[in-house]
Amino acid sequence: MSRALQRRENIAGYLFMLPSLIFFIGFVVIPMVICIFTSLTDMNMHDPGLFGNFVGLSNFTRLWQDTAFLAALKNTFIIVIVSVPTVCAFSLWVSSAIYRLKGPVLSAFRCIFYLPVVTGSVAVTVVWKWMYDNYTGIFNHVLKSAGLIEQNINWLGDPKFALWCIILILFTTSVGQPIVLYVSALGNVDTTLVEAAQVDGATDFQVFWKVKWAQMLPTTLYILVITTINSFQCFALIQLLTKGGAGTDTVMYRIYWTAFKLTEQAGHFGYANAMGVVLAIFIGLLSALQFKLAKEK
């Protein structure tokens, strides 16, 4: 291929990419740059001025002395540590069980597990809010009918239960996509390697762990990264159910409250953006660690 033809093809390719590239730069790159810059200022909604005054790293220093932020960071890590492994393990188990099914039955199970993913988060949250209701909720009704409790439990108002209720909802809405991905990954496993292992006398567990699991590592890595990011960004459930009360505050909700609540303690864009930068750093570090571990395996 001549250089002129290569140049024309490259130009054509970039022209096709241009609309997406403009969108990416305008709505991703530029806001990221603005976020990092304003995290170094005291920009807020109370004082006039576009970006406020430059304060350096004082916002980041203040974060580690802010008990509310540290509590939100702790809750966020609890959500990530609990939800990510359970979502991946449960999705792998369910996909292994339903993969052997054929035809409409397999499609039905895929639809059932994927339904919460495509359903609006507000609609799902409203249903769960009714289930957790102190007086008419199904959980209290079932537990009282079974004689396990004597008084109704305030699921979303008691710090002993509220965060775990949020994790349960997040778990049920997060398993659909991994299940579909794992079912597809199982369909792409090289059957000749499976048959060779079975001929050599390998058990079902050995075949799965040594042959199937090894070929599904790229899919597992993708699921781990996406689930980790989604868990770090847990916001809608908190906003709709508890508004950060009962010990359910997360970093994402703390960013929203700090930036947009018009109170004396809130409305500070610079400080909120510093929280966002810290959250992005944690997400980046965990994602890089997951890529490195997967590469070693």
C-alpha atoms as a PDB file:
ATOM      1  CA  MET A   1       0.000   0.000   0.000  1.00  0.00           C
ATOM      2  CA  SER A   2       1.409   3.398  -0.982  1.00  0.00           C
ATOM      3  CA  ARG A   3       1.998   6.147   1.555  1.00  0.00           C
ATOM      4  CA  ALA A   4      -0.587   8.361  -0.131  1.00  0.00           C
ATOM      5  CA  LEU A   5      -3.247   5.665   0.185  1.00  0.00           C
ATOM      6  CA  GLN A   6      -2.306   5.034   3.809  1.00  0.00           C
ATOM      7  CA  ARG A   7      -2.549   8.772   4.501  1.00  0.00           C
ATOM      8  CA  ARG A   8      -6.016   8.966   2.905  1.00  0.00           C
ATOM      9  CA  GLU A   9      -7.229   5.986   4.895  1.00  0.00           C
ATOM     10  CA  ASN A  10      -5.877   7.489   8.148  1.00  0.00           C
ATOM     11  CA  ILE A  11      -7.565  10.810   7.419  1.00  0.00           C
ATOM     12  CA  ALA A  12     -10.854   9.045   6.660  1.00  0.00           C
ATOM     13  CA  GLY A  13     -10.579   7.060   9.882  1.00  0.00           C
ATOM     14  CA  TYR A  14      -9.971  10.174  11.962  1.00  0.00           C
ATOM     15  CA  LEU A  15     -12.912  11.925  10.286  1.00  0.00           C
ATOM     16  CA  PHE A  16     -15.187   9.053  11.277  1.00  0.00           C
ATOM     17  CA  MET A  17     -13.825   9.289  14.825  1.00  0.00           C
ATOM     18  CA  LEU A  18     -14.192  13.071  14.985  1.00  0.00           C
ATOM     19  CA  PRO A  19     -17.800  13.255  16.361  1.00  0.00           C
ATOM     20  CA  SER A  20     -17.009  10.828  19.173  1.00  0.00           C
ATOM     21  CA  LEU A  21     -13.662  12.505  19.774  1.00  0.00           C
ATOM     22  CA  ILE A  22     -15.301  15.927  20.115  1.00  0.00           C
ATOM     23  CA  PHE A  23     -17.844  14.502  22.537  1.00  0.00           C
ATOM     24  CA  PHE A  24     -15.120  12.732  24.552  1.00  0.00           C
ATOM     25  CA  ILE A  25     -12.938  15.829  24.797  1.00  0.00           C
ATOM     26  CA  GLY A  26     -15.827  18.178  25.559  1.00  0.00           C
ATOM     27  CA  PHE A  27     -17.636  16.066  28.131  1.00  0.00           C
ATOM     28  CA  VAL A  28     -14.844  13.918  29.623  1.00  0.00           C
ATOM     29  CA  VAL A  29     -11.371  15.389  29.199  1.00  0.00           C
ATOM     30  CA  ILE A  30     -12.191  19.079  29.748  1.00  0.00           C
ATOM     31  CA  PRO A  31     -14.392  18.440  32.835  1.00  0.00           C
ATOM     32  CA  MET A  32     -11.614  16.254  34.278  1.00  0.00           C
ATOM     33  CA  VAL A  33      -9.091  19.076  33.812  1.00  0.00           C
ATOM     34  CA  ILE A  34     -11.495  21.595  35.370  1.00  0.00           C
ATOM     35  CA  CYS A  35     -12.137  19.224  38.286  1.00  0.00           C
ATOM     36  CA  ILE A  36      -8.430  18.825  39.016  1.00  0.00           C
ATOM     37  CA  PHE A  37      -7.821  22.574  38.736  1.00  0.00           C
ATOM     38  CA  THR A  38     -10.765  23.596  40.942  1.00  0.00           C
ATOM     39  CA  SER A  39      -9.734  21.026  43.557  1.00  0.00           C
ATOM     40  CA  LEU A  40      -6.781  23.339  44.171  1.00  0.00           C
ATOM     41  CA  THR A  41      -9.034  26.363  44.763  1.00  0.00           C
ATOM     42  CA  ASP A  42     -11.667  27.483  47.281  1.00  0.00           C
ATOM     43  CA  MET A  43     -14.371  27.784  44.607  1.00  0.00           C
ATOM     44  CA  ASN A  44     -17.820  27.792  46.208  1.00  0.00           C
ATOM     45  CA  MET A  45     -21.417  28.901  45.724  1.00  0.00           C
ATOM     46  CA  HIS A  46     -21.312  31.556  48.432  1.00  0.00           C
ATOM     47  CA  ASP A  47     -18.668  33.950  47.110  1.00  0.00           C
ATOM     48  CA  PRO A  48     -18.630  35.639  43.687  1.00  0.00           C
ATOM     49  CA  GLY A  49     -15.956  34.691  41.208  1.00  0.00           C
ATOM     50  CA  LEU A  50     -15.489  32.011  38.593  1.00  0.00           C
ATOM     51  CA  PHE A  51     -12.868  29.760  40.173  1.00  0.00           C
ATOM     52  CA  GLY A  52     -12.204  31.346  43.564  1.00  0.00           C
ATOM     53  CA  ASN A  53      -8.751  31.636  45.051  1.00  0.00           C
ATOM     54  CA  PHE A  54      -5.877  29.214  44.576  1.00  0.00           C
ATOM     55  CA  VAL A  55      -5.247  27.314  47.842  1.00  0.00           C
ATOM     56  CA  GLY A  56      -2.876  24.574  46.687  1.00  0.00           C
ATOM     57  CA  LEU A  57      -3.183  21.232  48.457  1.00  0.00           C
ATOM     58  CA  SER A  58      -5.040  22.582  51.483  1.00  0.00           C
ATOM     59  CA  ASN A  59      -8.307  20.929  50.371  1.00  0.00           C
ATOM     60  CA  PHE A  60      -6.586  17.535  50.253  1.00  0.00           C
ATOM     61  CA  THR A  61      -4.955  18.127  53.640  1.00  0.00           C
ATOM     62  CA  ARG A  62      -8.328  19.049  55.093  1.00  0.00           C
ATOM     63  CA  LEU A  63      -9.911  15.854  53.774  1.00  0.00           C
ATOM     64  CA  TRP A  64      -7.884  13.610  56.069  1.00  0.00           C
ATOM     65  CA  GLN A  65      -9.055  15.636  59.065  1.00  0.00           C
ATOM     66  CA  ASP A  66     -12.719  15.586  58.024  1.00  0.00           C
ATOM     67  CA  THR A  67     -14.495  12.905  60.060  1.00  0.00           C
ATOM     68  CA  ALA A  68     -17.547  12.964  57.771  1.00  0.00           C
ATOM     69  CA  PHE A  69     -15.406  12.273  54.695  1.00  0.00           C
ATOM     70  CA  LEU A  70     -13.432   9.542  56.468  1.00  0.00           C
ATOM     71  CA  ALA A  71     -16.676   7.856  57.551  1.00  0.00           C
ATOM     72  CA  ALA A  72     -17.988   8.061  53.976  1.00  0.00           C
ATOM     73  CA  LEU A  73     -14.703   6.631  52.666  1.00  0.00           C
ATOM     74  CA  LYS A  74     -14.928   3.765  55.159  1.00  0.00           C
ATOM     75  CA  ASN A  75     -18.502   2.957  54.092  1.00  0.00           C
ATOM     76  CA  THR A  76     -17.484   3.083  50.442  1.00  0.00           C
ATOM     77  CA  PHE A  77     -14.661   0.595  50.995  1.00  0.00           C
ATOM     78  CA  ILE A  78     -17.004  -1.697  52.934  1.00  0.00           C
ATOM     79  CA  ILE A  79     -19.409  -1.667  49.989  1.00  0.00           C
ATOM     80  CA  VAL A  80     -16.597  -2.419  47.529  1.00  0.00           C
ATOM     81  CA  ILE A  81     -14.952  -5.142  49.632  1.00  0.00           C
ATOM     82  CA  VAL A  82     -18.259  -6.937  50.239  1.00  0.00           C
ATOM     83  CA  SER A  83     -20.067  -6.467  46.939  1.00  0.00           C
ATOM     84  CA  VAL A  84     -17.303  -7.054  44.372  1.00  0.00           C
ATOM     85  CA  PRO A  85     -16.238 -10.586  45.464  1.00  0.00           C
ATOM     86  CA  THR A  86     -19.814 -11.691  46.160  1.00  0.00           C
ATOM     87  CA  VAL A  87     -21.090 -10.400  42.804  1.00  0.00           C
ATOM     88  CA  CYS A  88     -18.287 -12.138  40.899  1.00  0.00           C
ATOM     89  CA  ALA A  89     -18.568 -15.430  42.819  1.00  0.00           C
ATOM     90  CA  PHE A  90     -22.377 -15.564  42.643  1.00  0.00           C
ATOM     91  CA  SER A  91     -22.400 -14.645  38.953  1.00  0.00           C
ATOM     92  CA  LEU A  92     -19.868 -17.359  38.149  1.00  0.00           C
ATOM     93  CA  TRP A  93     -21.844 -19.954  40.124  1.00  0.00           C
ATOM     94  CA  VAL A  94     -25.175 -19.077  38.517  1.00  0.00           C
ATOM     95  CA  SER A  95     -23.727 -18.910  35.003  1.00  0.00           C
ATOM     96  CA  SER A  96     -22.095 -22.329  35.479  1.00  0.00           C
ATOM     97  CA  ALA A  97     -25.449 -23.748  36.608  1.00  0.00           C
ATOM     98  CA  ILE A  98     -27.597 -22.289  33.820  1.00  0.00           C
ATOM     99  CA  TYR A  99     -25.037 -22.740  31.029  1.00  0.00           C
ATOM    100  CA  ARG A 100     -26.050 -26.379  30.660  1.00  0.00           C
ATOM    101  CA  LEU A 101     -29.639 -25.327  29.980  1.00  0.00           C
ATOM    102  CA  LYS A 102     -30.727 -25.048  26.391  1.00  0.00           C
ATOM    103  CA  GLY A 103     -33.018 -22.924  24.271  1.00  0.00           C
ATOM    104  CA  PRO A 104     -35.858 -20.903  25.826  1.00  0.00           C
ATOM    105  CA  VAL A 105     -35.000 -21.935  29.387  1.00  0.00           C
ATOM    106  CA  LEU A 106     -31.514 -20.423  29.162  1.00  0.00           C
ATOM    107  CA  SER A 107     -32.932 -17.258  27.584  1.00  0.00           C
ATOM    108  CA  ALA A 108     -35.540 -17.014  30.347  1.00  0.00           C
ATOM    109  CA  PHE A 109     -32.899 -17.191  33.083  1.00  0.00           C
ATOM    110  CA  ARG A 110     -30.771 -14.613  31.284  1.00  0.00           C
ATOM    111  CA  CYS A 111     -33.786 -12.298  31.125  1.00  0.00           C
ATOM    112  CA  ILE A 112     -34.657 -12.811  34.801  1.00  0.00           C
ATOM    113  CA  PHE A 113     -31.184 -11.996  36.068  1.00  0.00           C
ATOM    114  CA  TYR A 114     -30.609  -9.144  33.601  1.00  0.00           C
ATOM    115  CA  LEU A 115     -33.970  -7.457  34.237  1.00  0.00           C
ATOM    116  CA  PRO A 116     -32.774  -5.345  37.225  1.00  0.00           C
ATOM    117  CA  VAL A 117     -29.904  -4.029  35.096  1.00  0.00           C
ATOM    118  CA  VAL A 118     -32.136  -2.578  32.368  1.00  0.00           C
ATOM    119  CA  THR A 119     -34.851  -1.459  34.779  1.00  0.00           C
ATOM    120  CA  GLY A 120     -34.575   2.140  35.926  1.00  0.00           C
ATOM    121  CA  SER A 121     -32.721   2.580  39.212  1.00  0.00           C
ATOM    122  CA  VAL A 122     -35.532   4.740  40.591  1.00  0.00           C
ATOM    123  CA  ALA A 123     -38.153   2.065  39.898  1.00  0.00           C
ATOM    124  CA  VAL A 124     -35.998  -0.655  41.483  1.00  0.00           C
ATOM    125  CA  THR A 125     -35.284   1.534  44.498  1.00  0.00           C
ATOM    126  CA  VAL A 126     -38.991   2.307  45.021  1.00  0.00           C
ATOM    127  CA  VAL A 127     -39.781  -1.419  45.119  1.00  0.00           C
ATOM    128  CA  TRP A 128     -36.984  -2.098  47.610  1.00  0.00           C
ATOM    129  CA  LYS A 129     -38.068   0.867  49.727  1.00  0.00           C
ATOM    130  CA  TRP A 130     -41.513  -0.680  50.035  1.00  0.00           C
ATOM    131  CA  MET A 131     -39.982  -4.051  50.920  1.00  0.00           C
ATOM    132  CA  TYR A 132     -37.937  -2.387  53.685  1.00  0.00           C
ATOM    133  CA  ASP A 133     -40.871  -0.323  54.986  1.00  0.00           C
ATOM    134  CA  ASN A 134     -41.239  -0.355  58.774  1.00  0.00           C
ATOM    135  CA  TYR A 135     -44.965  -1.113  58.770  1.00  0.00           C
ATOM    136  CA  THR A 136     -46.032  -2.551  55.410  1.00  0.00           C
ATOM    137  CA  GLY A 137     -42.725  -3.993  54.202  1.00  0.00           C
ATOM    138  CA  ILE A 138     -42.556  -7.631  53.165  1.00  0.00           C
ATOM    139  CA  PHE A 139     -39.397  -8.342  55.197  1.00  0.00           C
ATOM    140  CA  ASN A 140     -40.959  -7.387  58.511  1.00  0.00           C
ATOM    141  CA  HIS A 141     -44.184  -9.205  57.587  1.00  0.00           C
ATOM    142  CA  VAL A 142     -42.392 -12.458  56.744  1.00  0.00           C
ATOM    143  CA  LEU A 143     -40.103 -12.344  59.788  1.00  0.00           C
ATOM    144  CA  LYS A 144     -42.983 -11.606  62.181  1.00  0.00           C
ATOM    145  CA  SER A 145     -45.125 -14.328  60.604  1.00  0.00           C
ATOM    146  CA  ALA A 146     -42.282 -16.798  61.081  1.00  0.00           C
ATOM    147  CA  GLY A 147     -41.867 -15.729  64.709  1.00  0.00           C
ATOM    148  CA  LEU A 148     -38.274 -14.586  64.190  1.00  0.00           C
ATOM    149  CA  ILE A 149     -38.912 -11.020  65.399  1.00  0.00           C
ATOM    150  CA  GLU A 150     -41.448  -9.480  67.773  1.00  0.00           C
ATOM    151  CA  GLN A 151     -41.202  -5.856  66.673  1.00  0.00           C
ATOM    152  CA  ASN A 152     -40.768  -4.352  63.244  1.00  0.00           C
ATOM    153  CA  ILE A 153     -37.205  -3.491  62.295  1.00  0.00           C
ATOM    154  CA  ASN A 154     -36.363  -0.055  60.926  1.00  0.00           C
ATOM    155  CA  TRP A 155     -34.174  -1.459  58.168  1.00  0.00           C
ATOM    156  CA  LEU A 156     -33.134   1.851  56.603  1.00  0.00           C
ATOM    157  CA  GLY A 157     -33.045   3.872  59.834  1.00  0.00           C
ATOM    158  CA  ASP A 158     -30.986   1.589  62.051  1.00  0.00           C
ATOM    159  CA  PRO A 159     -27.202   1.882  61.542  1.00  0.00           C
ATOM    160  CA  LYS A 160     -26.873  -1.855  62.274  1.00  0.00           C
ATOM    161  CA  PHE A 161     -28.876  -2.756  59.162  1.00  0.00           C
ATOM    162  CA  ALA A 162     -28.980   0.244  56.810  1.00  0.00           C
ATOM    163  CA  LEU A 163     -25.619  -0.176  55.073  1.00  0.00           C
ATOM    164  CA  TRP A 164     -26.135  -3.918  54.595  1.00  0.00           C
ATOM    165  CA  CYS A 165     -29.563  -3.230  53.092  1.00  0.00           C
ATOM    166  CA  ILE A 166     -27.891  -0.920  50.577  1.00  0.00           C
ATOM    167  CA  ILE A 167     -25.301  -3.602  49.776  1.00  0.00           C
ATOM    168  CA  LEU A 168     -28.070  -6.174  49.211  1.00  0.00           C
ATOM    169  CA  ILE A 169     -29.813  -3.912  46.694  1.00  0.00           C
ATOM    170  CA  LEU A 170     -26.520  -3.154  44.963  1.00  0.00           C
ATOM    171  CA  PHE A 171     -25.788  -6.882  44.793  1.00  0.00           C
ATOM    172  CA  THR A 172     -29.136  -7.758  43.171  1.00  0.00           C
ATOM    173  CA  THR A 173     -28.774  -4.994  40.573  1.00  0.00           C
ATOM    174  CA  SER A 174     -25.152  -5.853  39.753  1.00  0.00           C
ATOM    175  CA  VAL A 175     -25.230  -9.595  39.031  1.00  0.00           C
ATOM    176  CA  GLY A 176     -27.184  -9.467  35.763  1.00  0.00           C
ATOM    177  CA  GLN A 177     -24.439  -8.284  33.430  1.00  0.00           C
ATOM    178  CA  PRO A 178     -21.706 -10.559  34.879  1.00  0.00           C
ATOM    179  CA  ILE A 179     -23.983 -13.586  34.534  1.00  0.00           C
ATOM    180  CA  VAL A 180     -24.618 -12.855  30.855  1.00  0.00           C
ATOM    181  CA  LEU A 181     -20.896 -12.276  30.273  1.00  0.00           C
ATOM    182  CA  TYR A 182     -19.889 -15.476  32.061  1.00  0.00           C
ATOM    183  CA  VAL A 183     -22.437 -17.532  30.101  1.00  0.00           C
ATOM    184  CA  SER A 184     -20.942 -16.159  26.888  1.00  0.00           C
ATOM    185  CA  ALA A 185     -17.411 -16.840  28.149  1.00  0.00           C
ATOM    186  CA  LEU A 186     -18.309 -20.437  28.975  1.00  0.00           C
ATOM    187  CA  GLY A 187     -19.594 -20.829  25.425  1.00  0.00           C
ATOM    188  CA  ASN A 188     -16.190 -19.760  24.075  1.00  0.00           C
ATOM    189  CA  VAL A 189     -14.175 -22.262  26.132  1.00  0.00           C
ATOM    190  CA  ASP A 190     -12.128 -24.615  23.952  1.00  0.00           C
ATOM    191  CA  THR A 191     -13.972 -27.952  24.247  1.00  0.00           C
ATOM    192  CA  THR A 192     -10.979 -29.922  23.009  1.00  0.00           C
ATOM    193  CA  LEU A 193      -8.985 -28.883  26.085  1.00  0.00           C
ATOM    194  CA  VAL A 194     -11.916 -29.849  28.323  1.00  0.00           C
ATOM    195  CA  GLU A 195     -12.213 -33.267  26.689  1.00  0.00           C
ATOM    196  CA  ALA A 196      -8.457 -33.828  26.938  1.00  0.00           C
ATOM    197  CA  ALA A 197      -8.512 -33.059  30.653  1.00  0.00           C
ATOM    198  CA  GLN A 198     -11.463 -35.410  31.188  1.00  0.00           C
ATOM    199  CA  VAL A 199      -9.693 -38.190  29.301  1.00  0.00           C
ATOM    200  CA  ASP A 200      -6.660 -37.691  31.568  1.00  0.00           C
ATOM    201  CA  GLY A 201      -8.915 -38.325  34.568  1.00  0.00           C
ATOM    202  CA  ALA A 202      -9.464 -34.755  35.817  1.00  0.00           C
ATOM    203  CA  THR A 203     -12.457 -34.187  38.066  1.00  0.00           C
ATOM    204  CA  ASP A 204     -15.186 -31.649  37.241  1.00  0.00           C
ATOM    205  CA  PHE A 205     -13.652 -29.150  39.684  1.00  0.00           C
ATOM    206  CA  GLN A 206     -10.170 -29.623  38.217  1.00  0.00           C
ATOM    207  CA  VAL A 207     -11.522 -29.174  34.697  1.00  0.00           C
ATOM    208  CA  PHE A 208     -13.278 -25.983  35.729  1.00  0.00           C
ATOM    209  CA  TRP A 209     -10.365 -24.525  37.727  1.00  0.00           C
ATOM    210  CA  LYS A 210      -7.489 -25.505  35.444  1.00  0.00           C
ATOM    211  CA  VAL A 211      -9.121 -25.266  32.012  1.00  0.00           C
ATOM    212  CA  LYS A 212     -12.336 -23.223  31.967  1.00  0.00           C
ATOM    213  CA  TRP A 213     -11.393 -20.643  34.587  1.00  0.00           C
ATOM    214  CA  ALA A 214      -8.044 -19.955  32.908  1.00  0.00           C
ATOM    215  CA  GLN A 215      -9.783 -19.156  29.616  1.00  0.00           C
ATOM    216  CA  MET A 216     -12.315 -16.891  31.352  1.00  0.00           C
ATOM    217  CA  LEU A 217      -9.745 -14.666  33.067  1.00  0.00           C
ATOM    218  CA  PRO A 218     -10.147 -11.758  30.587  1.00  0.00           C
ATOM    219  CA  THR A 219     -13.904 -11.765  31.219  1.00  0.00           C
ATOM    220  CA  THR A 220     -13.329 -11.959  34.961  1.00  0.00           C
ATOM    221  CA  LEU A 221     -10.942  -9.021  34.818  1.00  0.00           C
ATOM    222  CA  TYR A 222     -13.515  -6.917  32.979  1.00  0.00           C
ATOM    223  CA  ILE A 223     -16.224  -7.858  35.490  1.00  0.00           C
ATOM    224  CA  LEU A 224     -13.957  -7.056  38.443  1.00  0.00           C
ATOM    225  CA  VAL A 225     -13.038  -3.625  37.095  1.00  0.00           C
ATOM    226  CA  ILE A 226     -16.589  -2.646  36.124  1.00  0.00           C
ATOM    227  CA  THR A 227     -18.087  -3.914  39.400  1.00  0.00           C
ATOM    228  CA  THR A 228     -15.416  -2.093  41.407  1.00  0.00           C
ATOM    229  CA  ILE A 229     -16.111   1.192  39.624  1.00  0.00           C
ATOM    230  CA  ASN A 230     -19.881   0.823  40.034  1.00  0.00           C
ATOM    231  CA  SER A 231     -19.494   0.035  43.735  1.00  0.00           C
ATOM    232  CA  PHE A 232     -17.289   3.077  44.302  1.00  0.00           C
ATOM    233  CA  GLN A 233     -19.884   5.236  42.538  1.00  0.00           C
ATOM    234  CA  CYS A 234     -22.854   4.125  44.632  1.00  0.00           C
ATOM    235  CA  PHE A 235     -25.033   7.249  44.820  1.00  0.00           C
ATOM    236  CA  ALA A 236     -28.609   6.763  43.600  1.00  0.00           C
ATOM    237  CA  LEU A 237     -29.473   4.201  46.284  1.00  0.00           C
ATOM    238  CA  ILE A 238     -28.167   6.461  49.032  1.00  0.00           C
ATOM    239  CA  GLN A 239     -29.930   9.536  47.679  1.00  0.00           C
ATOM    240  CA  LEU A 240     -33.294   7.812  47.258  1.00  0.00           C
ATOM    241  CA  LEU A 241     -33.326   5.666  50.401  1.00  0.00           C
ATOM    242  CA  THR A 242     -31.352   7.196  53.263  1.00  0.00           C
ATOM    243  CA  LYS A 243     -29.831  10.497  52.091  1.00  0.00           C
ATOM    244  CA  GLY A 244     -26.634   9.512  53.854  1.00  0.00           C
ATOM    245  CA  GLY A 245     -28.277   8.886  57.213  1.00  0.00           C
ATOM    246  CA  ALA A 246     -28.017   5.861  59.502  1.00  0.00           C
ATOM    247  CA  GLY A 247     -24.335   5.410  58.710  1.00  0.00           C
ATOM    248  CA  THR A 248     -24.807   4.978  54.950  1.00  0.00           C
ATOM    249  CA  ASP A 249     -22.926   8.038  53.723  1.00  0.00           C
ATOM    250  CA  THR A 250     -20.608   7.305  50.786  1.00  0.00           C
ATOM    251  CA  VAL A 251     -17.975   9.375  49.025  1.00  0.00           C
ATOM    252  CA  MET A 252     -20.209   9.967  45.997  1.00  0.00           C
ATOM    253  CA  TYR A 253     -23.073  11.224  48.157  1.00  0.00           C
ATOM    254  CA  ARG A 254     -20.642  13.305  50.239  1.00  0.00           C
ATOM    255  CA  ILE A 255     -19.380  14.930  47.009  1.00  0.00           C
ATOM    256  CA  TYR A 256     -22.954  15.769  45.993  1.00  0.00           C
ATOM    257  CA  TRP A 257     -23.833  17.123  49.440  1.00  0.00           C
ATOM    258  CA  THR A 258     -20.662  19.192  49.706  1.00  0.00           C
ATOM    259  CA  ALA A 259     -20.979  20.704  46.228  1.00  0.00           C
ATOM    260  CA  PHE A 260     -24.686  21.394  45.818  1.00  0.00           C
ATOM    261  CA  LYS A 261     -26.330  21.713  49.231  1.00  0.00           C
ATOM    262  CA  LEU A 262     -26.744  25.415  49.962  1.00  0.00           C
ATOM    263  CA  THR A 263     -25.749  25.327  53.608  1.00  0.00           C
ATOM    264  CA  GLU A 264     -22.930  26.921  55.544  1.00  0.00           C
ATOM    265  CA  GLN A 265     -20.961  23.672  55.503  1.00  0.00           C
ATOM    266  CA  ALA A 266     -21.769  22.864  51.865  1.00  0.00           C
ATOM    267  CA  GLY A 267     -21.786  24.506  48.460  1.00  0.00           C
ATOM    268  CA  HIS A 268     -18.004  24.259  48.127  1.00  0.00           C
ATOM    269  CA  PHE A 269     -17.069  23.055  44.646  1.00  0.00           C
ATOM    270  CA  GLY A 270     -13.316  23.086  45.255  1.00  0.00           C
ATOM    271  CA  TYR A 271     -13.533  20.893  48.327  1.00  0.00           C
ATOM    272  CA  ALA A 272     -16.006  18.532  46.629  1.00  0.00           C
ATOM    273  CA  ASN A 273     -13.740  18.222  43.587  1.00  0.00           C
ATOM    274  CA  ALA A 274     -10.851  17.322  45.885  1.00  0.00           C
ATOM    275  CA  MET A 275     -13.006  14.416  47.119  1.00  0.00           C
ATOM    276  CA  GLY A 276     -13.644  13.443  43.507  1.00  0.00           C
ATOM    277  CA  VAL A 277      -9.945  13.438  42.696  1.00  0.00           C
ATOM    278  CA  VAL A 278      -9.203  11.237  45.718  1.00  0.00           C
ATOM    279  CA  LEU A 279     -11.990   8.844  44.704  1.00  0.00           C
ATOM    280  CA  ALA A 280     -10.646   8.676  41.140  1.00  0.00           C
ATOM    281  CA  ILE A 281      -7.164   7.912  42.466  1.00  0.00           C
ATOM    282  CA  PHE A 282      -8.487   5.008  44.575  1.00  0.00           C
ATOM    283  CA  ILE A 283     -10.450   3.628  41.606  1.00  0.00           C
ATOM    284  CA  GLY A 284      -7.397   3.927  39.349  1.00  0.00           C
ATOM    285  CA  LEU A 285      -5.105   2.223  41.855  1.00  0.00           C
ATOM    286  CA  LEU A 286      -7.476  -0.699  42.435  1.00  0.00           C
ATOM    287  CA  SER A 287      -8.072  -1.123  38.697  1.00  0.00           C
ATOM    288  CA  ALA A 288      -4.319  -1.086  38.021  1.00  0.00           C
ATOM    289  CA  LEU A 289      -3.796  -3.662  40.770  1.00  0.00           C
ATOM    290  CA  GLN A 290      -6.460  -5.918  39.266  1.00  0.00           C
ATOM    291  CA  PHE A 291      -4.854  -5.630  35.800  1.00  0.00           C
ATOM    292  CA  LYS A 292      -1.447  -6.447  37.233  1.00  0.00           C
ATOM    293  CA  LEU A 293      -2.673  -9.518  39.127  1.00  0.00           C
ATOM    294  CA  ALA A 294      -4.542 -10.754  36.052  1.00  0.00           C
ATOM    295  CA  LYS A 295      -1.452 -10.253  33.882  1.00  0.00           C
ATOM    296  CA  GLU A 296       0.660 -12.280  36.288  1.00  0.00           C
ATOM    297  CA  LYS A 297      -1.831 -15.131  36.179  1.00  0.00           C
END
